[in-house]
């Protein structure tokens, strides 16, 4: 193996602690060098060998760094990424990519001119339910897909104090936060829809930002429904897929985030495996015979993202989570907001063409 990729992590909030550092520090392909904390030294306790820096300029000016991972609030994404790319660093940027598609297009242009890799951390491509659905769809076990419904629901009736996502400012709210996951998954599977119809609401008492959304993406024969709410105490199926010969229903949440929040590291046996009680139900017809069975889940692993990224940076293999994918997600968010504001169906325009997984 070549020398490990030397990494600086911008921010030491939940995203850095839970989603990035556990994988950067347990994969041999990477070496943690520095962490940006503006005012505190909290990271020293867990990562004593990492240098603490105070500003983005101090971090990106370090000639030893290969990769900068940006986990700070959305309104910093453009300026921090621009600085890192212009200083010759590859960049991993937390989702959502940027607050606007114009900013996203600007970063793509800077990345291309600088010759540096820019990738969006769409980690929900590496959870158990998504990987399992990918196998089922790839094997065409359901026939031609008629309807796909995805949920990302929570029960959080009280607003979180001092949480930037609860403030009424660009990029806050449940739609940018959780909607970006569901939209990226749908675009990965099915490509660019013809139209979007959206209903985005504020439901909790005293909320200043959206906490509910429902999207309908029209692909002609296929219809996609994406929903999220902060007021779902008893969740239904997380995913429902119906095709011309079968259906797949999936309950439950991928276990990785909960394990990471509890302090477990992703270098233990059986990482990301779901309990059998969360495996999905497959009801279809194979070779003319009806099949109704519990379908085993594939184990998820957010680390696949960083393993794939290493192959791109060090070995020149194609980048899987491309910045154009991040652009399309933000552009779809803009079109959905337009639809909800106008209470009308909106044509999907101004997006990069992508090859859908389901053909």
Protein backbone atom coordinates (compact mmCIF):
# COMPACT_ATOMS: atom_id res chain seq x y z
CA UNK A 1 0.00 0.00 0.00
CA UNK A 2 1.09 3.56 -0.68
CA UNK A 3 1.62 6.03 2.14
CA UNK A 4 -1.57 6.83 4.08
CA UNK A 5 -3.54 9.91 3.13
CA UNK A 6 -2.87 12.66 5.67
CA UNK A 7 -6.11 14.23 6.89
CA UNK A 8 -7.26 17.42 8.56
CA UNK A 9 -10.81 17.52 9.97
CA UNK A 10 -12.61 20.86 10.12
CA UNK A 11 -14.92 20.97 13.15
CA UNK A 12 -15.39 18.76 16.18
CA UNK A 13 -19.15 18.48 16.44
CA UNK A 14 -21.38 15.45 16.12
CA UNK A 15 -20.68 14.88 12.41
CA UNK A 16 -16.91 14.81 12.96
CA UNK A 17 -17.06 12.71 16.13
CA UNK A 18 -19.58 10.16 14.90
CA UNK A 19 -19.49 10.03 11.10
CA UNK A 20 -15.89 10.74 10.12
CA UNK A 21 -13.21 10.37 12.78
CA UNK A 22 -14.08 6.76 13.75
CA UNK A 23 -13.40 5.69 10.16
CA UNK A 24 -10.44 7.96 9.43
CA UNK A 25 -8.67 6.68 12.55
CA UNK A 26 -9.42 2.97 12.10
CA UNK A 27 -8.65 2.64 8.38
CA UNK A 28 -4.97 2.05 7.62
CA UNK A 29 -5.31 4.10 4.43
CA UNK A 30 -5.61 7.33 6.44
CA UNK A 31 -3.63 9.24 9.05
CA UNK A 32 -5.26 11.94 11.19
CA UNK A 33 -2.98 14.98 11.37
CA UNK A 34 -5.07 17.92 12.62
CA UNK A 35 -8.49 19.00 13.87
CA UNK A 36 -9.90 22.51 13.65
CA UNK A 37 -11.48 23.70 16.90
CA UNK A 38 -11.94 27.44 17.05
CA UNK A 39 -12.00 27.91 20.83
CA UNK A 40 -11.66 24.59 22.66
CA UNK A 41 -9.30 21.63 22.96
CA UNK A 42 -11.93 18.88 23.36
CA UNK A 43 -10.41 16.62 20.73
CA UNK A 44 -7.11 16.30 22.65
CA UNK A 45 -8.59 13.79 25.08
CA UNK A 46 -9.49 11.29 22.37
CA UNK A 47 -6.94 12.21 19.70
CA UNK A 48 -3.84 13.38 21.60
CA UNK A 49 -1.54 13.00 18.59
CA UNK A 50 -3.62 15.30 16.38
CA UNK A 51 -2.63 18.95 16.17
CA UNK A 52 -5.35 21.45 17.07
CA UNK A 53 -5.63 24.41 14.71
CA UNK A 54 -7.84 27.47 15.16
CA UNK A 55 -8.63 28.70 11.64
CA UNK A 56 -9.31 27.25 8.22
CA UNK A 57 -6.37 29.24 6.84
CA UNK A 58 -4.03 27.61 9.34
CA UNK A 59 -5.28 24.17 8.35
CA UNK A 60 -5.17 24.51 4.57
CA UNK A 61 -1.73 26.14 4.64
CA UNK A 62 -0.22 22.95 6.11
CA UNK A 63 1.79 21.47 3.21
CA UNK A 64 1.73 17.98 4.77
CA UNK A 65 -2.04 17.58 4.43
CA UNK A 66 -3.51 15.68 1.49
CA UNK A 67 -7.19 15.77 2.41
CA UNK A 68 -9.43 18.19 4.30
CA UNK A 69 -12.75 16.90 5.69
CA UNK A 70 -15.27 19.69 6.30
CA UNK A 71 -17.98 18.98 8.88
CA UNK A 72 -18.97 22.53 9.90
CA UNK A 73 -22.40 24.19 9.35
CA UNK A 74 -23.69 24.59 5.80
CA UNK A 75 -22.96 28.31 5.54
CA UNK A 76 -19.21 27.60 5.79
CA UNK A 77 -19.16 24.92 3.11
CA UNK A 78 -18.44 27.12 0.10
CA UNK A 79 -15.72 29.33 1.58
CA UNK A 80 -13.92 26.55 3.44
CA UNK A 81 -13.96 24.23 0.45
CA UNK A 82 -12.75 26.96 -1.86
CA UNK A 83 -9.80 27.68 0.43
CA UNK A 84 -8.89 24.02 0.69
CA UNK A 85 -9.05 23.37 -3.05
CA UNK A 86 -7.09 26.51 -3.86
CA UNK A 87 -4.39 25.34 -1.46
CA UNK A 88 -4.07 22.03 -3.26
CA UNK A 89 -6.07 19.82 -0.90
CA UNK A 90 -8.56 17.15 -1.78
CA UNK A 91 -11.88 17.78 0.02
CA UNK A 92 -14.61 15.71 1.61
CA UNK A 93 -17.63 17.88 2.29
CA UNK A 94 -20.46 16.91 4.61
CA UNK A 95 -23.91 16.83 3.07
CA UNK A 96 -25.71 18.87 2.04
CA UNK A 97 -23.08 19.98 -0.47
CA UNK A 98 -23.89 23.72 -0.30
CA UNK A 99 -26.87 25.95 0.37
CA UNK A 100 -27.45 26.74 -3.32
CA UNK A 101 -26.85 25.09 -6.66
CA UNK A 102 -24.93 28.19 -7.76
CA UNK A 103 -22.44 27.63 -4.94
CA UNK A 104 -22.26 23.94 -5.82
CA UNK A 105 -21.51 24.75 -9.47
CA UNK A 106 -18.81 27.16 -8.34
CA UNK A 107 -17.07 24.50 -6.25
CA UNK A 108 -17.23 21.98 -9.11
CA UNK A 109 -15.51 24.53 -11.35
CA UNK A 110 -12.81 25.25 -8.75
CA UNK A 111 -12.24 21.52 -8.23
CA UNK A 112 -11.80 20.92 -11.95
CA UNK A 113 -9.41 23.85 -12.36
CA UNK A 114 -7.36 22.88 -9.30
CA UNK A 115 -7.15 19.22 -10.28
CA UNK A 116 -8.17 18.18 -6.77
CA UNK A 117 -10.80 15.63 -5.76
CA UNK A 118 -14.03 17.01 -4.32
CA UNK A 119 -16.55 14.55 -2.88
CA UNK A 120 -19.78 14.84 -0.89
CA UNK A 121 -20.22 12.53 2.10
CA UNK A 122 -23.41 10.76 1.02
CA UNK A 123 -22.93 8.05 3.63
CA UNK A 124 -26.52 6.81 3.38
CA UNK A 125 -25.42 4.88 0.30
CA UNK A 126 -23.64 2.57 2.75
CA UNK A 127 -26.39 1.60 5.18
CA UNK A 128 -28.00 -1.83 5.43
CA UNK A 129 -31.35 -0.94 3.89
CA UNK A 130 -29.86 0.88 0.88
CA UNK A 131 -27.32 -1.87 0.14
CA UNK A 132 -30.05 -4.51 0.46
CA UNK A 133 -32.42 -2.62 -1.83
CA UNK A 134 -29.56 -2.17 -4.29
CA UNK A 135 -29.14 -5.95 -4.48
CA UNK A 136 -32.88 -6.57 -4.87
CA UNK A 137 -33.23 -3.92 -7.58
CA UNK A 138 -30.06 -5.07 -9.32
CA UNK A 139 -31.36 -8.64 -9.41
CA UNK A 140 -34.75 -7.35 -10.69
CA UNK A 141 -36.60 -9.39 -8.08
CA UNK A 142 -39.59 -7.02 -8.19
CA UNK A 143 -39.91 -6.59 -11.94
CA UNK A 144 -40.34 -3.07 -13.28
CA UNK A 145 -40.67 -0.62 -10.38
CA UNK A 146 -44.05 1.07 -10.11
CA UNK A 147 -43.62 2.89 -6.79
CA UNK A 148 -40.78 3.53 -4.35
CA UNK A 149 -41.48 5.16 -0.99
CA UNK A 150 -38.74 6.22 1.43
CA UNK A 151 -39.14 7.64 4.95
CA UNK A 152 -36.72 9.30 7.36
CA UNK A 153 -38.94 9.93 10.38
CA UNK A 154 -38.16 10.91 13.98
CA UNK A 155 -40.06 11.80 17.10
CA UNK A 156 -38.63 15.05 18.43
CA UNK A 157 -41.51 17.34 19.47
CA UNK A 158 -39.29 19.73 21.41
CA UNK A 159 -36.88 22.09 19.69
CA UNK A 160 -33.19 21.60 20.46
CA UNK A 161 -31.63 24.55 22.27
CA UNK A 162 -28.72 26.30 20.50
CA UNK A 163 -28.83 23.93 17.53
CA UNK A 164 -27.95 25.72 14.31
CA UNK A 165 -30.26 23.46 12.30
CA UNK A 166 -33.20 24.86 14.31
CA UNK A 167 -32.37 28.47 13.42
CA UNK A 168 -34.18 30.24 10.61
CA UNK A 169 -31.26 30.68 8.24
CA UNK A 170 -30.22 29.27 4.87
CA UNK A 171 -29.53 25.54 4.90
CA UNK A 172 -31.30 24.80 8.19
CA UNK A 173 -34.34 22.60 8.69
CA UNK A 174 -35.23 18.97 8.17
CA UNK A 175 -35.43 19.22 4.38
CA UNK A 176 -31.78 20.17 3.86
CA UNK A 177 -30.69 17.79 6.64
CA UNK A 178 -32.63 14.58 6.03
CA UNK A 179 -34.09 15.35 2.63
CA UNK A 180 -30.62 15.34 1.09
CA UNK A 181 -30.21 11.68 2.09
CA UNK A 182 -33.53 10.54 0.64
CA UNK A 183 -33.11 12.58 -2.55
CA UNK A 184 -29.57 11.30 -3.18
CA UNK A 185 -30.75 7.70 -2.76
CA UNK A 186 -33.64 8.19 -5.18
CA UNK A 187 -31.45 9.88 -7.80
CA UNK A 188 -28.87 7.11 -7.45
CA UNK A 189 -31.45 4.41 -8.09
CA UNK A 190 -33.67 6.07 -10.68
CA UNK A 191 -31.83 9.07 -12.18
CA UNK A 192 -33.39 12.46 -12.89
CA UNK A 193 -37.21 12.67 -12.59
CA UNK A 194 -39.46 14.52 -15.00
CA UNK A 195 -41.21 16.61 -12.32
CA UNK A 196 -41.33 17.19 -8.57
CA UNK A 197 -44.33 18.03 -6.41
CA UNK A 198 -43.51 19.01 -2.83
CA UNK A 199 -45.32 19.79 0.41
CA UNK A 200 -42.91 21.28 2.99
CA UNK A 201 -44.33 22.37 6.36
CA UNK A 202 -43.70 23.68 9.87
CA UNK A 203 -45.59 21.47 12.33
CA UNK A 204 -44.06 21.72 15.81
CA UNK A 205 -45.00 24.48 18.23
CA UNK A 206 -42.72 27.53 17.96
CA UNK A 207 -40.56 26.05 15.22
CA UNK A 208 -38.87 28.53 12.88
CA UNK A 209 -37.83 25.97 10.28
CA UNK A 210 -39.42 23.18 8.27
CA UNK A 211 -39.89 19.91 10.16
CA UNK A 212 -42.02 17.96 7.66
CA UNK A 213 -41.83 17.28 3.95
CA UNK A 214 -43.34 15.04 1.31
CA UNK A 215 -41.99 14.84 -2.24
CA UNK A 216 -43.47 13.14 -5.27
CA UNK A 217 -40.95 12.50 -8.04
CA UNK A 218 -42.51 11.54 -11.37
CA UNK A 219 -40.55 9.29 -13.72
CA UNK A 220 -43.46 8.53 -16.01
CA UNK A 221 -44.28 4.90 -15.23
CA UNK A 222 -42.48 5.01 -11.88
CA UNK A 223 -43.49 7.23 -8.95
CA UNK A 224 -41.18 8.06 -6.03
CA UNK A 225 -42.48 9.29 -2.66
CA UNK A 226 -40.05 10.71 -0.08
CA UNK A 227 -41.27 11.73 3.38
CA UNK A 228 -39.88 12.93 6.69
CA UNK A 229 -41.40 14.26 9.88
CA UNK A 230 -40.28 15.12 13.41
CA UNK A 231 -43.64 13.99 14.81
CA UNK A 232 -43.72 10.27 14.07
CA UNK A 233 -43.78 8.43 17.37
CA UNK A 234 -44.58 5.03 15.87
CA UNK A 235 -42.87 4.64 12.49
CA UNK A 236 -44.22 2.52 9.68
CA UNK A 237 -42.03 0.90 7.02
CA UNK A 238 -38.88 2.85 6.28
CA UNK A 239 -38.99 1.77 2.64
CA UNK A 240 -41.69 0.24 0.45
CA UNK A 241 -40.94 -0.77 -3.12
CA UNK A 242 -43.61 -2.16 -5.43
CA UNK A 243 -42.96 -3.61 -8.87
CA UNK A 244 -44.84 -5.47 -11.55
CA UNK A 245 -44.06 -8.88 -9.96
CA UNK A 246 -43.31 -8.16 -6.33
CA UNK A 247 -42.92 -5.90 -3.28
CA UNK A 248 -40.25 -5.26 -0.66
CA UNK A 249 -40.99 -3.70 2.76
CA UNK A 250 -38.27 -2.67 5.16
CA UNK A 251 -38.59 -1.51 8.78
CA UNK A 252 -36.00 -0.27 11.23
CA UNK A 253 -32.89 1.90 11.30
CA UNK A 254 -29.37 0.96 10.27
CA UNK A 255 -27.46 0.32 13.54
CA UNK A 256 -24.24 2.17 12.74
CA UNK A 257 -25.10 5.68 13.93
CA UNK A 258 -26.39 4.47 17.29
CA UNK A 259 -23.30 2.32 17.80
CA UNK A 260 -20.98 5.19 16.92
CA UNK A 261 -22.80 7.57 19.28
CA UNK A 262 -22.33 4.99 22.04
CA UNK A 263 -18.60 5.02 21.44
CA UNK A 264 -18.16 1.79 19.49
CA UNK A 265 -15.55 1.76 16.73
CA UNK A 266 -16.14 0.21 13.31
CA UNK A 267 -13.26 -2.25 13.57
CA UNK A 268 -15.15 -4.98 15.43
CA UNK A 269 -16.58 -8.20 13.97
CA UNK A 270 -20.09 -8.05 12.51
CA UNK A 271 -20.00 -4.24 12.17
CA UNK A 272 -23.18 -2.82 10.65
CA UNK A 273 -25.15 -6.05 10.78
CA UNK A 274 -28.86 -5.65 11.45
CA UNK A 275 -30.75 -7.99 13.80
CA UNK A 276 -32.98 -10.46 12.00
CA UNK A 277 -36.00 -8.67 13.47
CA UNK A 278 -35.24 -5.75 11.11
CA UNK A 279 -34.78 -7.76 7.93
CA UNK A 280 -37.19 -6.82 5.17
CA UNK A 281 -40.11 -8.73 3.69
CA UNK A 282 -39.80 -9.83 0.06
CA UNK A 283 -42.99 -10.98 -1.66
CA UNK A 284 -42.48 -11.75 -5.32
CA UNK A 285 -42.52 -14.44 -8.00
CA UNK A 286 -39.33 -16.20 -9.06
CA UNK A 287 -39.35 -18.53 -12.05
CA UNK A 288 -43.13 -18.60 -11.92
CA UNK A 289 -43.26 -19.55 -8.24
CA UNK A 290 -44.57 -17.21 -5.56
CA UNK A 291 -42.03 -16.35 -2.85
CA UNK A 292 -42.84 -14.62 0.43
CA UNK A 293 -39.90 -14.56 2.79
CA UNK A 294 -37.77 -12.49 5.16
CA UNK A 295 -34.87 -11.22 3.09
CA UNK A 296 -31.50 -10.97 4.92
CA UNK A 297 -30.03 -7.47 5.16
CA UNK A 298 -26.56 -6.71 3.87
CA UNK A 299 -24.35 -5.22 6.60
CA UNK A 300 -23.80 -1.49 6.26
CA UNK A 301 -20.46 0.24 6.64
CA UNK A 302 -19.87 3.98 6.30
CA UNK A 303 -16.20 3.08 5.95
CA UNK A 304 -16.86 1.92 2.38
CA UNK A 305 -17.05 5.62 1.48
CA UNK A 306 -13.50 6.27 2.70
CA UNK A 307 -12.18 3.02 1.20
CA UNK A 308 -13.55 4.05 -2.19
CA UNK A 309 -12.17 7.57 -1.81
CA UNK A 310 -8.70 6.19 -1.13
CA UNK A 311 -8.86 4.21 -4.38
CA UNK A 312 -9.65 7.45 -6.21
CA UNK A 313 -6.98 9.64 -4.60
CA UNK A 314 -4.17 7.10 -4.39
CA UNK A 315 -4.91 4.74 -7.27
CA UNK A 316 -6.78 6.91 -9.76
CA UNK A 317 -9.98 4.89 -9.78
CA UNK A 318 -13.27 6.66 -10.67
CA UNK A 319 -14.83 8.74 -7.90
CA UNK A 320 -18.13 7.21 -6.78
CA UNK A 321 -19.57 10.14 -4.78
CA UNK A 322 -19.05 12.89 -7.32
CA UNK A 323 -19.67 16.60 -6.70
CA UNK A 324 -22.21 16.54 -9.53
CA UNK A 325 -24.29 14.21 -7.37
CA UNK A 326 -24.16 16.76 -4.56
CA UNK A 327 -25.16 19.49 -7.03
CA UNK A 328 -28.18 17.48 -8.20
CA UNK A 329 -29.35 16.97 -4.63
CA UNK A 330 -29.19 20.71 -3.89
CA UNK A 331 -30.86 21.55 -7.20
CA UNK A 332 -33.69 19.13 -6.38
CA UNK A 333 -34.07 20.81 -2.98
CA UNK A 334 -34.41 24.18 -4.74
CA UNK A 335 -37.00 22.83 -7.18
CA UNK A 336 -38.96 21.21 -4.35
CA UNK A 337 -38.97 24.47 -2.36
CA UNK A 338 -40.27 26.22 -5.48
CA UNK A 339 -42.99 23.59 -5.84
CA UNK A 340 -44.05 23.90 -2.22
CA UNK A 341 -44.09 27.71 -2.34
CA UNK A 342 -46.13 27.76 -5.55
CA UNK A 343 -48.26 24.76 -4.56
CA UNK A 344 -47.60 23.41 -8.03
CA UNK A 345 -45.79 20.65 -9.88
CA UNK A 346 -42.41 21.83 -11.18
CA UNK A 347 -40.39 20.47 -14.08
CA UNK A 348 -36.94 19.18 -13.13
CA UNK A 349 -34.46 21.39 -14.95
CA UNK A 350 -30.84 22.44 -14.64
CA UNK A 351 -29.51 19.09 -13.39
CA UNK A 352 -26.55 16.98 -14.44
CA UNK A 353 -27.52 13.86 -16.33
CA UNK A 354 -26.66 10.70 -14.40
CA UNK A 355 -26.87 7.02 -15.28
CA UNK A 356 -29.54 5.44 -13.06
CA UNK A 357 -28.82 2.18 -11.28
CA UNK A 358 -32.27 0.87 -12.23
CA UNK A 359 -32.56 0.68 -16.00
